[in-house]
Amino acid sequence: LYRNTSELREVQLKPRYLRDFNGAKMK
């Protein structure tokens, strides 16, 4: 139960700031 969330939260994401961006779409 706890491993599910704790190991998922070890995943890291990288931002890319210097790019054209007109908003995010969640569809």
mmCIF file of all heavy atoms, coordinates in Angstrom:
data_MODEL
# 
_entry.id   MODEL 
# 
loop_
_atom_site.group_PDB 
_atom_site.id 
_atom_site.type_symbol 
_atom_site.label_atom_id 
_atom_site.label_alt_id 
_atom_site.label_comp_id 
_atom_site.label_asym_id 
_atom_site.label_entity_id 
_atom_site.label_seq_id 
_atom_site.pdbx_PDB_ins_code 
_atom_site.Cartn_x 
_atom_site.Cartn_y 
_atom_site.Cartn_z 
_atom_site.occupancy 
_atom_site.B_iso_or_equiv 
_atom_site.pdbx_formal_charge 
_atom_site.auth_seq_id 
_atom_site.auth_comp_id 
_atom_site.auth_asym_id 
_atom_site.auth_atom_id 
_atom_site.pdbx_PDB_model_num 
ATOM 1   N N   . LEU A 1 1  ? 0.839   -1.199 0.000   1.00 0.00 ? 1  LEU A N   1 
ATOM 2   C CA  . LEU A 1 1  ? 0.000   0.000  0.000   1.00 0.00 ? 1  LEU A CA  1 
ATOM 3   C C   . LEU A 1 1  ? 0.876   1.253  0.000   1.00 0.00 ? 1  LEU A C   1 
ATOM 4   O O   . LEU A 1 1  ? 0.671   2.178  -0.802  1.00 0.00 ? 1  LEU A O   1 
ATOM 5   C CB  . LEU A 1 1  ? -0.894  -0.022 1.248   1.00 0.00 ? 1  LEU A CB  1 
ATOM 6   C CG  . LEU A 1 1  ? -1.708  1.246  1.532   1.00 0.00 ? 1  LEU A CG  1 
ATOM 7   C CD1 . LEU A 1 1  ? -2.822  1.392  0.514   1.00 0.00 ? 1  LEU A CD1 1 
ATOM 8   C CD2 . LEU A 1 1  ? -2.291  1.200  2.945   1.00 0.00 ? 1  LEU A CD2 1 
ATOM 9   N N   . TYR A 1 2  ? 1.866   1.283  0.876   1.00 0.00 ? 2  TYR A N   1 
ATOM 10  C CA  . TYR A 1 2  ? 2.741   2.452  0.972   1.00 0.00 ? 2  TYR A CA  1 
ATOM 11  C C   . TYR A 1 2  ? 3.788   2.471  -0.132  1.00 0.00 ? 2  TYR A C   1 
ATOM 12  O O   . TYR A 1 2  ? 4.182   3.539  -0.611  1.00 0.00 ? 2  TYR A O   1 
ATOM 13  C CB  . TYR A 1 2  ? 3.391   2.499  2.353   1.00 0.00 ? 2  TYR A CB  1 
ATOM 14  C CG  . TYR A 1 2  ? 2.386   2.718  3.448   1.00 0.00 ? 2  TYR A CG  1 
ATOM 15  C CD1 . TYR A 1 2  ? 2.035   1.697  4.336   1.00 0.00 ? 2  TYR A CD1 1 
ATOM 16  C CD2 . TYR A 1 2  ? 1.744   3.950  3.579   1.00 0.00 ? 2  TYR A CD2 1 
ATOM 17  C CE1 . TYR A 1 2  ? 1.080   1.901  5.322   1.00 0.00 ? 2  TYR A CE1 1 
ATOM 18  C CE2 . TYR A 1 2  ? 0.793   4.159  4.567   1.00 0.00 ? 2  TYR A CE2 1 
ATOM 19  C CZ  . TYR A 1 2  ? 0.461   3.127  5.431   1.00 0.00 ? 2  TYR A CZ  1 
ATOM 20  O OH  . TYR A 1 2  ? -0.490  3.328  6.405   1.00 0.00 ? 2  TYR A OH  1 
ATOM 21  N N   . ARG A 1 3  ? 4.229   1.284  -0.558  1.00 0.00 ? 3  ARG A N   1 
ATOM 22  C CA  . ARG A 1 3  ? 5.213   1.217  -1.635  1.00 0.00 ? 3  ARG A CA  1 
ATOM 23  C C   . ARG A 1 3  ? 4.644   1.819  -2.928  1.00 0.00 ? 3  ARG A C   1 
ATOM 24  O O   . ARG A 1 3  ? 5.358   2.472  -3.687  1.00 0.00 ? 3  ARG A O   1 
ATOM 25  C CB  . ARG A 1 3  ? 5.632   -0.241 -1.857  1.00 0.00 ? 3  ARG A CB  1 
ATOM 26  C CG  . ARG A 1 3  ? 6.723   -0.412 -2.913  1.00 0.00 ? 3  ARG A CG  1 
ATOM 27  C CD  . ARG A 1 3  ? 7.003   -1.875 -3.170  1.00 0.00 ? 3  ARG A CD  1 
ATOM 28  N NE  . ARG A 1 3  ? 7.699   -2.497 -2.051  1.00 0.00 ? 3  ARG A NE  1 
ATOM 29  C CZ  . ARG A 1 3  ? 7.388   -3.641 -1.491  1.00 0.00 ? 3  ARG A CZ  1 
ATOM 30  N NH1 . ARG A 1 3  ? 6.340   -4.316 -1.932  1.00 0.00 ? 3  ARG A NH1 1 
ATOM 31  N NH2 . ARG A 1 3  ? 8.087   -4.130 -0.489  1.00 0.00 ? 3  ARG A NH2 1 
ATOM 32  N N   . ASN A 1 4  ? 3.361   1.587  -3.184  1.00 0.00 ? 4  ASN A N   1 
ATOM 33  C CA  . ASN A 1 4  ? 2.746   2.120  -4.397  1.00 0.00 ? 4  ASN A CA  1 
ATOM 34  C C   . ASN A 1 4  ? 2.993   3.612  -4.556  1.00 0.00 ? 4  ASN A C   1 
ATOM 35  O O   . ASN A 1 4  ? 3.438   4.078  -5.603  1.00 0.00 ? 4  ASN A O   1 
ATOM 36  C CB  . ASN A 1 4  ? 1.238   1.863  -4.373  1.00 0.00 ? 4  ASN A CB  1 
ATOM 37  C CG  . ASN A 1 4  ? 0.846   0.515  -4.913  1.00 0.00 ? 4  ASN A CG  1 
ATOM 38  O OD1 . ASN A 1 4  ? 1.606   -0.117 -5.638  1.00 0.00 ? 4  ASN A OD1 1 
ATOM 39  N ND2 . ASN A 1 4  ? -0.335  0.064  -4.561  1.00 0.00 ? 4  ASN A ND2 1 
ATOM 40  N N   . THR A 1 5  ? 2.670   4.366  -3.518  1.00 0.00 ? 5  THR A N   1 
ATOM 41  C CA  . THR A 1 5  ? 2.795   5.820  -3.608  1.00 0.00 ? 5  THR A CA  1 
ATOM 42  C C   . THR A 1 5  ? 4.239   6.271  -3.461  1.00 0.00 ? 5  THR A C   1 
ATOM 43  O O   . THR A 1 5  ? 4.699   7.155  -4.198  1.00 0.00 ? 5  THR A O   1 
ATOM 44  C CB  . THR A 1 5  ? 1.910   6.492  -2.537  1.00 0.00 ? 5  THR A CB  1 
ATOM 45  O OG1 . THR A 1 5  ? 0.541   6.152  -2.791  1.00 0.00 ? 5  THR A OG1 1 
ATOM 46  C CG2 . THR A 1 5  ? 2.056   8.001  -2.579  1.00 0.00 ? 5  THR A CG2 1 
ATOM 47  N N   . SER A 1 6  ? 4.986   5.678  -2.558  1.00 0.00 ? 6  SER A N   1 
ATOM 48  C CA  . SER A 1 6  ? 6.355   6.155  -2.325  1.00 0.00 ? 6  SER A CA  1 
ATOM 49  C C   . SER A 1 6  ? 7.238   5.931  -3.552  1.00 0.00 ? 6  SER A C   1 
ATOM 50  O O   . SER A 1 6  ? 8.035   6.811  -3.925  1.00 0.00 ? 6  SER A O   1 
ATOM 51  C CB  . SER A 1 6  ? 6.968   5.472  -1.096  1.00 0.00 ? 6  SER A CB  1 
ATOM 52  O OG  . SER A 1 6  ? 7.077   4.070  -1.292  1.00 0.00 ? 6  SER A OG  1 
ATOM 53  N N   . GLU A 1 7  ? 7.115   4.787  -4.221  1.00 0.00 ? 7  GLU A N   1 
ATOM 54  C CA  . GLU A 1 7  ? 7.949   4.539  -5.390  1.00 0.00 ? 7  GLU A CA  1 
ATOM 55  C C   . GLU A 1 7  ? 7.470   5.323  -6.609  1.00 0.00 ? 7  GLU A C   1 
ATOM 56  O O   . GLU A 1 7  ? 8.289   5.741  -7.436  1.00 0.00 ? 7  GLU A O   1 
ATOM 57  C CB  . GLU A 1 7  ? 8.024   3.037  -5.679  1.00 0.00 ? 7  GLU A CB  1 
ATOM 58  C CG  . GLU A 1 7  ? 8.772   2.294  -4.576  1.00 0.00 ? 7  GLU A CG  1 
ATOM 59  C CD  . GLU A 1 7  ? 9.097   0.851  -4.925  1.00 0.00 ? 7  GLU A CD  1 
ATOM 60  O OE1 . GLU A 1 7  ? 8.722   0.387  -6.025  1.00 0.00 ? 7  GLU A OE1 1 
ATOM 61  O OE2 . GLU A 1 7  ? 9.737   0.176  -4.088  1.00 0.00 ? 7  GLU A OE2 1 
ATOM 62  N N   . LEU A 1 8  ? 6.169   5.549  -6.713  1.00 0.00 ? 8  LEU A N   1 
ATOM 63  C CA  . LEU A 1 8  ? 5.668   6.432  -7.771  1.00 0.00 ? 8  LEU A CA  1 
ATOM 64  C C   . LEU A 1 8  ? 6.270   7.832  -7.625  1.00 0.00 ? 8  LEU A C   1 
ATOM 65  O O   . LEU A 1 8  ? 6.659   8.476  -8.604  1.00 0.00 ? 8  LEU A O   1 
ATOM 66  C CB  . LEU A 1 8  ? 4.137   6.498  -7.718  1.00 0.00 ? 8  LEU A CB  1 
ATOM 67  C CG  . LEU A 1 8  ? 3.451   7.493  -8.650  1.00 0.00 ? 8  LEU A CG  1 
ATOM 68  C CD1 . LEU A 1 8  ? 3.747   7.191  -10.113 1.00 0.00 ? 8  LEU A CD1 1 
ATOM 69  C CD2 . LEU A 1 8  ? 1.937   7.497  -8.399  1.00 0.00 ? 8  LEU A CD2 1 
ATOM 70  N N   . ARG A 1 9  ? 6.398   8.292  -6.384  1.00 0.00 ? 9  ARG A N   1 
ATOM 71  C CA  . ARG A 1 9  ? 6.879   9.661  -6.155  1.00 0.00 ? 9  ARG A CA  1 
ATOM 72  C C   . ARG A 1 9  ? 8.398   9.791  -6.256  1.00 0.00 ? 9  ARG A C   1 
ATOM 73  O O   . ARG A 1 9  ? 8.921   10.900 -6.121  1.00 0.00 ? 9  ARG A O   1 
ATOM 74  C CB  . ARG A 1 9  ? 6.343   10.162 -4.811  1.00 0.00 ? 9  ARG A CB  1 
ATOM 75  C CG  . ARG A 1 9  ? 4.846   10.374 -4.905  1.00 0.00 ? 9  ARG A CG  1 
ATOM 76  C CD  . ARG A 1 9  ? 4.189   10.912 -3.672  1.00 0.00 ? 9  ARG A CD  1 
ATOM 77  N NE  . ARG A 1 9  ? 2.780   11.187 -3.965  1.00 0.00 ? 9  ARG A NE  1 
ATOM 78  C CZ  . ARG A 1 9  ? 1.903   11.597 -3.070  1.00 0.00 ? 9  ARG A CZ  1 
ATOM 79  N NH1 . ARG A 1 9  ? 2.280   11.784 -1.804  1.00 0.00 ? 9  ARG A NH1 1 
ATOM 80  N NH2 . ARG A 1 9  ? 0.654   11.836 -3.414  1.00 0.00 ? 9  ARG A NH2 1 
ATOM 81  N N   . GLU A 1 10 ? 9.056   8.688  -6.538  1.00 0.00 ? 10 GLU A N   1 
ATOM 82  C CA  . GLU A 1 10 ? 10.480  8.779  -6.879  1.00 0.00 ? 10 GLU A CA  1 
ATOM 83  C C   . GLU A 1 10 ? 10.686  9.196  -8.337  1.00 0.00 ? 10 GLU A C   1 
ATOM 84  O O   . GLU A 1 10 ? 11.788  9.578  -8.730  1.00 0.00 ? 10 GLU A O   1 
ATOM 85  C CB  . GLU A 1 10 ? 11.155  7.426  -6.628  1.00 0.00 ? 10 GLU A CB  1 
ATOM 86  C CG  . GLU A 1 10 ? 11.241  7.055  -5.148  1.00 0.00 ? 10 GLU A CG  1 
ATOM 87  C CD  . GLU A 1 10 ? 11.795  5.653  -4.938  1.00 0.00 ? 10 GLU A CD  1 
ATOM 88  O OE1 . GLU A 1 10 ? 12.178  5.022  -5.949  1.00 0.00 ? 10 GLU A OE1 1 
ATOM 89  O OE2 . GLU A 1 10 ? 11.824  5.206  -3.779  1.00 0.00 ? 10 GLU A OE2 1 
ATOM 90  N N   . VAL A 1 11 ? 9.620   9.122  -9.131  1.00 0.00 ? 11 VAL A N   1 
ATOM 91  C CA  . VAL A 1 11 ? 9.709   9.533  -10.535 1.00 0.00 ? 11 VAL A CA  1 
ATOM 92  C C   . VAL A 1 11 ? 9.858   11.053 -10.598 1.00 0.00 ? 11 VAL A C   1 
ATOM 93  O O   . VAL A 1 11 ? 9.117   11.792 -9.955  1.00 0.00 ? 11 VAL A O   1 
ATOM 94  C CB  . VAL A 1 11 ? 8.450   9.092  -11.314 1.00 0.00 ? 11 VAL A CB  1 
ATOM 95  C CG1 . VAL A 1 11 ? 8.461   9.647  -12.729 1.00 0.00 ? 11 VAL A CG1 1 
ATOM 96  C CG2 . VAL A 1 11 ? 8.348   7.569  -11.322 1.00 0.00 ? 11 VAL A CG2 1 
ATOM 97  N N   . GLN A 1 12 ? 10.821  11.507 -11.391 1.00 0.00 ? 12 GLN A N   1 
ATOM 98  C CA  . GLN A 1 12 ? 11.090  12.936 -11.519 1.00 0.00 ? 12 GLN A CA  1 
ATOM 99  C C   . GLN A 1 12 ? 10.831  13.403 -12.949 1.00 0.00 ? 12 GLN A C   1 
ATOM 100 O O   . GLN A 1 12 ? 11.057  12.663 -13.916 1.00 0.00 ? 12 GLN A O   1 
ATOM 101 C CB  . GLN A 1 12 ? 12.543  13.232 -11.138 1.00 0.00 ? 12 GLN A CB  1 
ATOM 102 C CG  . GLN A 1 12 ? 12.857  12.897 -9.680  1.00 0.00 ? 12 GLN A CG  1 
ATOM 103 C CD  . GLN A 1 12 ? 14.323  13.092 -9.353  1.00 0.00 ? 12 GLN A CD  1 
ATOM 104 O OE1 . GLN A 1 12 ? 15.198  12.905 -10.196 1.00 0.00 ? 12 GLN A OE1 1 
ATOM 105 N NE2 . GLN A 1 12 ? 14.606  13.468 -8.113  1.00 0.00 ? 12 GLN A NE2 1 
ATOM 106 N N   . LEU A 1 13 ? 10.381  14.649 -13.067 1.00 0.00 ? 13 LEU A N   1 
ATOM 107 C CA  . LEU A 1 13 ? 10.050  15.234 -14.364 1.00 0.00 ? 13 LEU A CA  1 
ATOM 108 C C   . LEU A 1 13 ? 10.913  16.468 -14.620 1.00 0.00 ? 13 LEU A C   1 
ATOM 109 O O   . LEU A 1 13 ? 11.209  17.228 -13.701 1.00 0.00 ? 13 LEU A O   1 
ATOM 110 C CB  . LEU A 1 13 ? 8.565   15.600 -14.415 1.00 0.00 ? 13 LEU A CB  1 
ATOM 111 C CG  . LEU A 1 13 ? 7.576   14.453 -14.107 1.00 0.00 ? 13 LEU A CG  1 
ATOM 112 C CD1 . LEU A 1 13 ? 6.150   14.957 -14.179 1.00 0.00 ? 13 LEU A CD1 1 
ATOM 113 C CD2 . LEU A 1 13 ? 7.785   13.283 -15.052 1.00 0.00 ? 13 LEU A CD2 1 
ATOM 114 N N   . LYS A 1 14 ? 11.259  16.649 -15.879 1.00 0.00 ? 14 LYS A N   1 
ATOM 115 C CA  . LYS A 1 14 ? 12.170  17.734 -16.264 1.00 0.00 ? 14 LYS A CA  1 
ATOM 116 C C   . LYS A 1 14 ? 11.396  18.838 -16.998 1.00 0.00 ? 14 LYS A C   1 
ATOM 117 O O   . LYS A 1 14 ? 10.754  18.579 -18.016 1.00 0.00 ? 14 LYS A O   1 
ATOM 118 C CB  . LYS A 1 14 ? 13.274  17.190 -17.174 1.00 0.00 ? 14 LYS A CB  1 
ATOM 119 C CG  . LYS A 1 14 ? 14.376  18.208 -17.505 1.00 0.00 ? 14 LYS A CG  1 
ATOM 120 C CD  . LYS A 1 14 ? 15.353  17.626 -18.513 1.00 0.00 ? 14 LYS A CD  1 
ATOM 121 C CE  . LYS A 1 14 ? 16.091  16.420 -17.948 1.00 0.00 ? 14 LYS A CE  1 
ATOM 122 N NZ  . LYS A 1 14 ? 17.011  16.799 -16.846 1.00 0.00 ? 14 LYS A NZ  1 
ATOM 123 N N   . PRO A 1 15 ? 11.473  20.073 -16.503 1.00 0.00 ? 15 PRO A N   1 
ATOM 124 C CA  . PRO A 1 15 ? 10.817  21.186 -17.209 1.00 0.00 ? 15 PRO A CA  1 
ATOM 125 C C   . PRO A 1 15 ? 11.657  21.676 -18.394 1.00 0.00 ? 15 PRO A C   1 
ATOM 126 O O   . PRO A 1 15 ? 12.874  21.492 -18.411 1.00 0.00 ? 15 PRO A O   1 
ATOM 127 C CB  . PRO A 1 15 ? 10.732  22.272 -16.129 1.00 0.00 ? 15 PRO A CB  1 
ATOM 128 C CG  . PRO A 1 15 ? 11.907  22.012 -15.252 1.00 0.00 ? 15 PRO A CG  1 
ATOM 129 C CD  . PRO A 1 15 ? 12.101  20.509 -15.246 1.00 0.00 ? 15 PRO A CD  1 
ATOM 130 N N   . ARG A 1 16 ? 10.992  22.288 -19.361 1.00 0.00 ? 16 ARG A N   1 
ATOM 131 C CA  . ARG A 1 16 ? 11.687  22.902 -20.502 1.00 0.00 ? 16 ARG A CA  1 
ATOM 132 C C   . ARG A 1 16 ? 11.138  24.313 -20.632 1.00 0.00 ? 16 ARG A C   1 
ATOM 133 O O   . ARG A 1 16 ? 10.135  24.557 -21.305 1.00 0.00 ? 16 ARG A O   1 
ATOM 134 C CB  . ARG A 1 16 ? 11.445  22.090 -21.766 1.00 0.00 ? 16 ARG A CB  1 
ATOM 135 C CG  . ARG A 1 16 ? 12.005  20.679 -21.684 1.00 0.00 ? 16 ARG A CG  1 
ATOM 136 C CD  . ARG A 1 16 ? 11.746  19.890 -22.947 1.00 0.00 ? 16 ARG A CD  1 
ATOM 137 N NE  . ARG A 1 16 ? 12.292  18.550 -22.836 1.00 0.00 ? 16 ARG A NE  1 
ATOM 138 C CZ  . ARG A 1 16 ? 12.162  17.622 -23.783 1.00 0.00 ? 16 ARG A CZ  1 
ATOM 139 N NH1 . ARG A 1 16 ? 11.496  17.907 -24.899 1.00 0.00 ? 16 ARG A NH1 1 
ATOM 140 N NH2 . ARG A 1 16 ? 12.686  16.416 -23.603 1.00 0.00 ? 16 ARG A NH2 1 
ATOM 141 N N   . TYR A 1 17 ? 11.810  25.247 -19.996 1.00 0.00 ? 17 TYR A N   1 
ATOM 142 C CA  . TYR A 1 17 ? 11.265  26.598 -19.845 1.00 0.00 ? 17 TYR A CA  1 
ATOM 143 C C   . TYR A 1 17 ? 11.401  27.454 -21.099 1.00 0.00 ? 17 TYR A C   1 
ATOM 144 O O   . TYR A 1 17 ? 10.496  28.230 -21.420 1.00 0.00 ? 17 TYR A O   1 
ATOM 145 C CB  . TYR A 1 17 ? 11.942  27.298 -18.663 1.00 0.00 ? 17 TYR A CB  1 
ATOM 146 C CG  . TYR A 1 17 ? 11.626  26.663 -17.323 1.00 0.00 ? 17 TYR A CG  1 
ATOM 147 C CD1 . TYR A 1 17 ? 12.640  26.268 -16.453 1.00 0.00 ? 17 TYR A CD1 1 
ATOM 148 C CD2 . TYR A 1 17 ? 10.313  26.462 -16.924 1.00 0.00 ? 17 TYR A CD2 1 
ATOM 149 C CE1 . TYR A 1 17 ? 12.353  25.688 -15.223 1.00 0.00 ? 17 TYR A CE1 1 
ATOM 150 C CE2 . TYR A 1 17 ? 10.010  25.893 -15.694 1.00 0.00 ? 17 TYR A CE2 1 
ATOM 151 C CZ  . TYR A 1 17 ? 11.042  25.500 -14.849 1.00 0.00 ? 17 TYR A CZ  1 
ATOM 152 O OH  . TYR A 1 17 ? 10.741  24.926 -13.644 1.00 0.00 ? 17 TYR A OH  1 
ATOM 153 N N   . LEU A 1 18 ? 12.507  27.361 -21.808 1.00 0.00 ? 18 LEU A N   1 
ATOM 154 C CA  . LEU A 1 18 ? 12.771  28.280 -22.910 1.00 0.00 ? 18 LEU A CA  1 
ATOM 155 C C   . LEU A 1 18 ? 12.219  27.705 -24.227 1.00 0.00 ? 18 LEU A C   1 
ATOM 156 O O   . LEU A 1 18 ? 12.956  27.388 -25.156 1.00 0.00 ? 18 LEU A O   1 
ATOM 157 C CB  . LEU A 1 18 ? 14.272  28.558 -23.018 1.00 0.00 ? 18 LEU A CB  1 
ATOM 158 C CG  . LEU A 1 18 ? 14.899  29.200 -21.775 1.00 0.00 ? 18 LEU A CG  1 
ATOM 159 C CD1 . LEU A 1 18 ? 16.378  29.457 -21.993 1.00 0.00 ? 18 LEU A CD1 1 
ATOM 160 C CD2 . LEU A 1 18 ? 14.173  30.490 -21.399 1.00 0.00 ? 18 LEU A CD2 1 
ATOM 161 N N   . ARG A 1 19 ? 10.901  27.604 -24.265 1.00 0.00 ? 19 ARG A N   1 
ATOM 162 C CA  . ARG A 1 19 ? 10.249  27.126 -25.481 1.00 0.00 ? 19 ARG A CA  1 
ATOM 163 C C   . ARG A 1 19 ? 8.922   27.833 -25.637 1.00 0.00 ? 19 ARG A C   1 
ATOM 164 O O   . ARG A 1 19 ? 8.345   28.347 -24.660 1.00 0.00 ? 19 ARG A O   1 
ATOM 165 C CB  . ARG A 1 19 ? 10.045  25.609 -25.421 1.00 0.00 ? 19 ARG A CB  1 
ATOM 166 C CG  . ARG A 1 19 ? 9.005   25.190 -24.409 1.00 0.00 ? 19 ARG A CG  1 
ATOM 167 C CD  . ARG A 1 19 ? 8.958   23.684 -24.139 1.00 0.00 ? 19 ARG A CD  1 
ATOM 168 N NE  . ARG A 1 19 ? 8.891   22.877 -25.344 1.00 0.00 ? 19 ARG A NE  1 
ATOM 169 C CZ  . ARG A 1 19 ? 8.738   21.550 -25.311 1.00 0.00 ? 19 ARG A CZ  1 
ATOM 170 N NH1 . ARG A 1 19 ? 8.643   20.918 -24.143 1.00 0.00 ? 19 ARG A NH1 1 
ATOM 171 N NH2 . ARG A 1 19 ? 8.706   20.855 -26.419 1.00 0.00 ? 19 ARG A NH2 1 
ATOM 172 N N   . ASP A 1 20 ? 8.436   27.921 -26.853 1.00 0.00 ? 20 ASP A N   1 
ATOM 173 C CA  . ASP A 1 20 ? 7.124   28.532 -27.084 1.00 0.00 ? 20 ASP A CA  1 
ATOM 174 C C   . ASP A 1 20 ? 6.055   27.702 -26.393 1.00 0.00 ? 20 ASP A C   1 
ATOM 175 O O   . ASP A 1 20 ? 6.053   26.464 -26.477 1.00 0.00 ? 20 ASP A O   1 
ATOM 176 C CB  . ASP A 1 20 ? 6.833   28.592 -28.584 1.00 0.00 ? 20 ASP A CB  1 
ATOM 177 C CG  . ASP A 1 20 ? 7.755   29.554 -29.315 1.00 0.00 ? 20 ASP A CG  1 
ATOM 178 O OD1 . ASP A 1 20 ? 8.258   30.485 -28.658 1.00 0.00 ? 20 ASP A OD1 1 
ATOM 179 O OD2 . ASP A 1 20 ? 7.961   29.371 -30.527 1.00 0.00 ? 20 ASP A OD2 1 
ATOM 180 N N   . PHE A 1 21 ? 5.162   28.382 -25.709 1.00 0.00 ? 21 PHE A N   1 
ATOM 181 C CA  . PHE A 1 21 ? 4.147   27.657 -24.942 1.00 0.00 ? 21 PHE A CA  1 
ATOM 182 C C   . PHE A 1 21 ? 2.876   28.482 -24.882 1.00 0.00 ? 21 PHE A C   1 
ATOM 183 O O   . PHE A 1 21 ? 2.874   29.615 -24.409 1.00 0.00 ? 21 PHE A O   1 
ATOM 184 C CB  . PHE A 1 21 ? 4.660   27.371 -23.516 1.00 0.00 ? 21 PHE A CB  1 
ATOM 185 C CG  . PHE A 1 21 ? 3.729   26.528 -22.698 1.00 0.00 ? 21 PHE A CG  1 
ATOM 186 C CD1 . PHE A 1 21 ? 3.569   25.172 -22.969 1.00 0.00 ? 21 PHE A CD1 1 
ATOM 187 C CD2 . PHE A 1 21 ? 3.000   27.077 -21.651 1.00 0.00 ? 21 PHE A CD2 1 
ATOM 188 C CE1 . PHE A 1 21 ? 2.712   24.394 -22.210 1.00 0.00 ? 21 PHE A CE1 1 
ATOM 189 C CE2 . PHE A 1 21 ? 2.139   26.307 -20.889 1.00 0.00 ? 21 PHE A CE2 1 
ATOM 190 C CZ  . PHE A 1 21 ? 2.000   24.955 -21.176 1.00 0.00 ? 21 PHE A CZ  1 
ATOM 191 N N   . ASN A 1 22 ? 1.785   27.885 -25.373 1.00 0.00 ? 22 ASN A N   1 
ATOM 192 C CA  . ASN A 1 22 ? 0.496   28.582 -25.412 1.00 0.00 ? 22 ASN A CA  1 
ATOM 193 C C   . ASN A 1 22 ? -0.543  27.940 -24.501 1.00 0.00 ? 22 ASN A C   1 
ATOM 194 O O   . ASN A 1 22 ? -1.741  28.114 -24.708 1.00 0.00 ? 22 ASN A O   1 
ATOM 195 C CB  . ASN A 1 22 ? -0.028  28.611 -26.857 1.00 0.00 ? 22 ASN A CB  1 
ATOM 196 C CG  . ASN A 1 22 ? 0.894   29.382 -27.779 1.00 0.00 ? 22 ASN A CG  1 
ATOM 197 O OD1 . ASN A 1 22 ? 1.356   30.467 -27.421 1.00 0.00 ? 22 ASN A OD1 1 
ATOM 198 N ND2 . ASN A 1 22 ? 1.178   28.825 -28.959 1.00 0.00 ? 22 ASN A ND2 1 
ATOM 199 N N   . GLY A 1 23 ? -0.079  27.214 -23.507 1.00 0.00 ? 23 GLY A N   1 
ATOM 200 C CA  . GLY A 1 23 ? -1.003  26.600 -22.562 1.00 0.00 ? 23 GLY A CA  1 
ATOM 201 C C   . GLY A 1 23 ? -1.056  25.092 -22.690 1.00 0.00 ? 23 GLY A C   1 
ATOM 202 O O   . GLY A 1 23 ? -0.622  24.506 -23.683 1.00 0.00 ? 23 GLY A O   1 
ATOM 203 N N   . ALA A 1 24 ? -1.588  24.442 -21.639 1.00 0.00 ? 24 ALA A N   1 
ATOM 204 C CA  . ALA A 1 24 ? -1.662  22.983 -21.566 1.00 0.00 ? 24 ALA A CA  1 
ATOM 205 C C   . ALA A 1 24 ? -3.096  22.511 -21.771 1.00 0.00 ? 24 ALA A C   1 
ATOM 206 O O   . ALA A 1 24 ? -4.040  23.155 -21.307 1.00 0.00 ? 24 ALA A O   1 
ATOM 207 C CB  . ALA A 1 24 ? -1.150  22.507 -20.209 1.00 0.00 ? 24 ALA A CB  1 
ATOM 208 N N   . LYS A 1 25 ? -3.243  21.401 -22.462 1.00 0.00 ? 25 LYS A N   1 
ATOM 209 C CA  . LYS A 1 25 ? -4.550  20.807 -22.685 1.00 0.00 ? 25 LYS A CA  1 
ATOM 210 C C   . LYS A 1 25 ? -4.581  19.414 -22.064 1.00 0.00 ? 25 LYS A C   1 
ATOM 211 O O   . LYS A 1 25 ? -3.735  18.582 -22.362 1.00 0.00 ? 25 LYS A O   1 
ATOM 212 C CB  . LYS A 1 25 ? -4.848  20.727 -24.179 1.00 0.00 ? 25 LYS A CB  1 
ATOM 213 C CG  . LYS A 1 25 ? -4.978  22.098 -24.834 1.00 0.00 ? 25 LYS A CG  1 
ATOM 214 C CD  . LYS A 1 25 ? -5.301  21.980 -26.318 1.00 0.00 ? 25 LYS A CD  1 
ATOM 215 C CE  . LYS A 1 25 ? -5.435  23.364 -26.943 1.00 0.00 ? 25 LYS A CE  1 
ATOM 216 N NZ  . LYS A 1 25 ? -5.703  23.278 -28.410 1.00 0.00 ? 25 LYS A NZ  1 
ATOM 217 N N   . MET A 1 26 ? -5.567  19.183 -21.219 1.00 0.00 ? 26 MET A N   1 
ATOM 218 C CA  . MET A 1 26 ? -5.640  17.928 -20.475 1.00 0.00 ? 26 MET A CA  1 
ATOM 219 C C   . MET A 1 26 ? -6.468  16.850 -21.159 1.00 0.00 ? 26 MET A C   1 
ATOM 220 O O   . MET A 1 26 ? -6.552  15.732 -20.663 1.00 0.00 ? 26 MET A O   1 
ATOM 221 C CB  . MET A 1 26 ? -6.234  18.185 -19.087 1.00 0.00 ? 26 MET A CB  1 
ATOM 222 C CG  . MET A 1 26 ? -5.230  18.665 -18.068 1.00 0.00 ? 26 MET A CG  1 
ATOM 223 S SD  . MET A 1 26 ? -5.947  18.687 -16.408 1.00 0.00 ? 26 MET A SD  1 
ATOM 224 C CE  . MET A 1 26 ? -7.094  20.039 -16.562 1.00 0.00 ? 26 MET A CE  1 
ATOM 225 N N   . LYS A 1 27 ? -7.111  17.158 -22.257 1.00 0.00 ? 27 LYS A N   1 
ATOM 226 C CA  . LYS A 1 27 ? -7.950  16.159 -22.912 1.00 0.00 ? 27 LYS A CA  1 
ATOM 227 C C   . LYS A 1 27 ? -7.129  14.913 -23.239 1.00 0.00 ? 27 LYS A C   1 
ATOM 228 O O   . LYS A 1 27 ? -5.960  15.003 -23.591 1.00 0.00 ? 27 LYS A O   1 
ATOM 229 C CB  . LYS A 1 27 ? -8.574  16.730 -24.183 1.00 0.00 ? 27 LYS A CB  1 
ATOM 230 C CG  . LYS A 1 27 ? -9.691  17.728 -23.914 1.00 0.00 ? 27 LYS A CG  1 
ATOM 231 C CD  . LYS A 1 27 ? -10.370 18.146 -25.193 1.00 0.00 ? 27 LYS A CD  1 
ATOM 232 C CE  . LYS A 1 27 ? -11.484 19.155 -24.929 1.00 0.00 ? 27 LYS A CE  1 
ATOM 233 N NZ  . LYS A 1 27 ? -12.600 18.569 -24.176 1.00 0.00 ? 27 LYS A NZ  1 
# 
